[in-house]
């Protein structure tokens, strides 16, 4: 087995692509489901367009936070695995995942 075969982790481009895809899938899927629930609740309970706009804005902010968090968490985990370390417990803070 050569050293190329035993190399741990990937290069920065592959880590970026994997992290981006994870963020898109997780945040996008969650936002679509939550938006469907918002529209269904607004229609079922006749809550009006103001509710839809406010809830959709909150959903967009939540999706943006979740996408950034997922990207940073994935990047953090890939770096740890590349260094031969164990995966640590996830933290809800984006900045906590950026540290060491």
Protein backbone atom coordinates (compact mmCIF):
# COMPACT_ATOMS: atom_id res chain seq x y z
CA UNK A 1 0.00 0.00 0.00
CA UNK A 2 1.46 3.34 -0.98
CA UNK A 3 1.34 6.52 1.06
CA UNK A 4 -1.20 7.91 -1.37
CA UNK A 5 -3.60 5.09 -0.45
CA UNK A 6 -3.24 5.70 3.29
CA UNK A 7 -3.68 9.48 3.11
CA UNK A 8 -6.40 10.67 5.47
CA UNK A 9 -8.82 13.43 4.52
CA UNK A 10 -9.18 15.28 1.29
CA UNK A 11 -7.90 18.45 -0.21
CA UNK A 12 -9.57 21.79 0.52
CA UNK A 13 -11.65 21.75 -2.66
CA UNK A 14 -13.21 18.37 -1.90
CA UNK A 15 -13.90 19.39 1.71
CA UNK A 16 -15.51 22.61 0.45
CA UNK A 17 -17.70 20.70 -2.01
CA UNK A 18 -18.78 18.13 0.58
CA UNK A 19 -19.53 20.82 3.17
CA UNK A 20 -21.47 22.92 0.65
CA UNK A 21 -23.55 19.95 -0.47
CA UNK A 22 -24.31 18.98 3.13
CA UNK A 23 -25.40 22.55 3.90
CA UNK A 24 -27.64 22.76 0.84
CA UNK A 25 -29.30 19.41 1.47
CA UNK A 26 -29.87 19.89 5.20
CA UNK A 27 -30.94 23.54 5.22
CA UNK A 28 -32.83 23.38 1.95
CA UNK A 29 -34.78 20.27 2.88
CA UNK A 30 -35.66 21.60 6.32
CA UNK A 31 -36.72 24.99 4.92
CA UNK A 32 -38.95 23.38 2.29
CA UNK A 33 -40.71 21.24 4.89
CA UNK A 34 -41.17 24.16 7.29
CA UNK A 35 -42.43 26.42 4.49
CA UNK A 36 -45.01 23.80 3.52
CA UNK A 37 -46.19 23.68 7.13
CA UNK A 38 -46.41 27.49 7.25
CA UNK A 39 -48.49 27.64 4.08
CA UNK A 40 -50.72 24.78 5.18
CA UNK A 41 -51.34 26.35 8.61
CA UNK A 42 -52.04 29.74 7.05
CA UNK A 43 -54.55 28.20 4.67
CA UNK A 44 -56.17 25.88 7.22
CA UNK A 45 -56.58 28.49 9.96
CA UNK A 46 -57.04 31.47 7.59
CA UNK A 47 -54.14 33.37 9.17
CA UNK A 48 -53.64 35.79 6.31
CA UNK A 49 -50.75 37.04 4.25
CA UNK A 50 -49.04 38.88 7.13
CA UNK A 51 -48.54 35.60 8.95
CA UNK A 52 -47.17 34.00 5.80
CA UNK A 53 -44.67 36.84 5.21
CA UNK A 54 -43.46 36.98 8.82
CA UNK A 55 -43.21 33.20 9.19
CA UNK A 56 -41.50 32.90 5.80
CA UNK A 57 -38.95 35.53 6.83
CA UNK A 58 -38.26 33.65 10.07
CA UNK A 59 -37.98 30.44 8.06
CA UNK A 60 -35.46 32.06 5.70
CA UNK A 61 -33.32 33.28 8.62
CA UNK A 62 -33.47 29.86 10.27
CA UNK A 63 -32.51 28.17 6.98
CA UNK A 64 -29.59 30.56 6.51
CA UNK A 65 -28.33 29.91 10.05
CA UNK A 66 -28.74 26.15 9.59
CA UNK A 67 -26.87 26.23 6.26
CA UNK A 68 -23.94 28.15 7.75
CA UNK A 69 -23.89 25.92 10.84
CA UNK A 70 -23.96 22.74 8.73
CA UNK A 71 -21.18 24.02 6.47
CA UNK A 72 -18.96 25.00 9.41
CA UNK A 73 -19.70 21.76 11.30
CA UNK A 74 -18.92 19.64 8.25
CA UNK A 75 -15.69 21.57 7.65
CA UNK A 76 -14.74 21.10 11.34
CA UNK A 77 -15.42 17.36 11.26
CA UNK A 78 -13.47 16.87 8.01
CA UNK A 79 -10.48 18.72 9.49
CA UNK A 80 -10.59 16.58 12.64
CA UNK A 81 -10.83 13.37 10.66
CA UNK A 82 -8.00 14.51 8.40
CA UNK A 83 -5.85 15.08 11.49
CA UNK A 84 -6.65 11.57 12.75
CA UNK A 85 -8.82 12.79 15.64
CA UNK A 86 -12.19 11.55 16.82
CA UNK A 87 -15.37 13.40 15.95
CA UNK A 88 -16.39 15.59 18.88
CA UNK A 89 -19.86 16.38 20.17
CA UNK A 90 -21.64 18.98 18.05
CA UNK A 91 -22.15 22.44 19.50
CA UNK A 92 -25.00 24.69 18.42
CA UNK A 93 -22.73 27.72 18.15
CA UNK A 94 -21.20 28.44 14.76
CA UNK A 95 -18.16 30.06 16.39
CA UNK A 96 -17.57 27.02 18.63
CA UNK A 97 -17.13 24.87 15.53
CA UNK A 98 -14.67 27.34 14.03
CA UNK A 99 -12.31 27.02 16.99
CA UNK A 100 -9.56 24.36 17.03
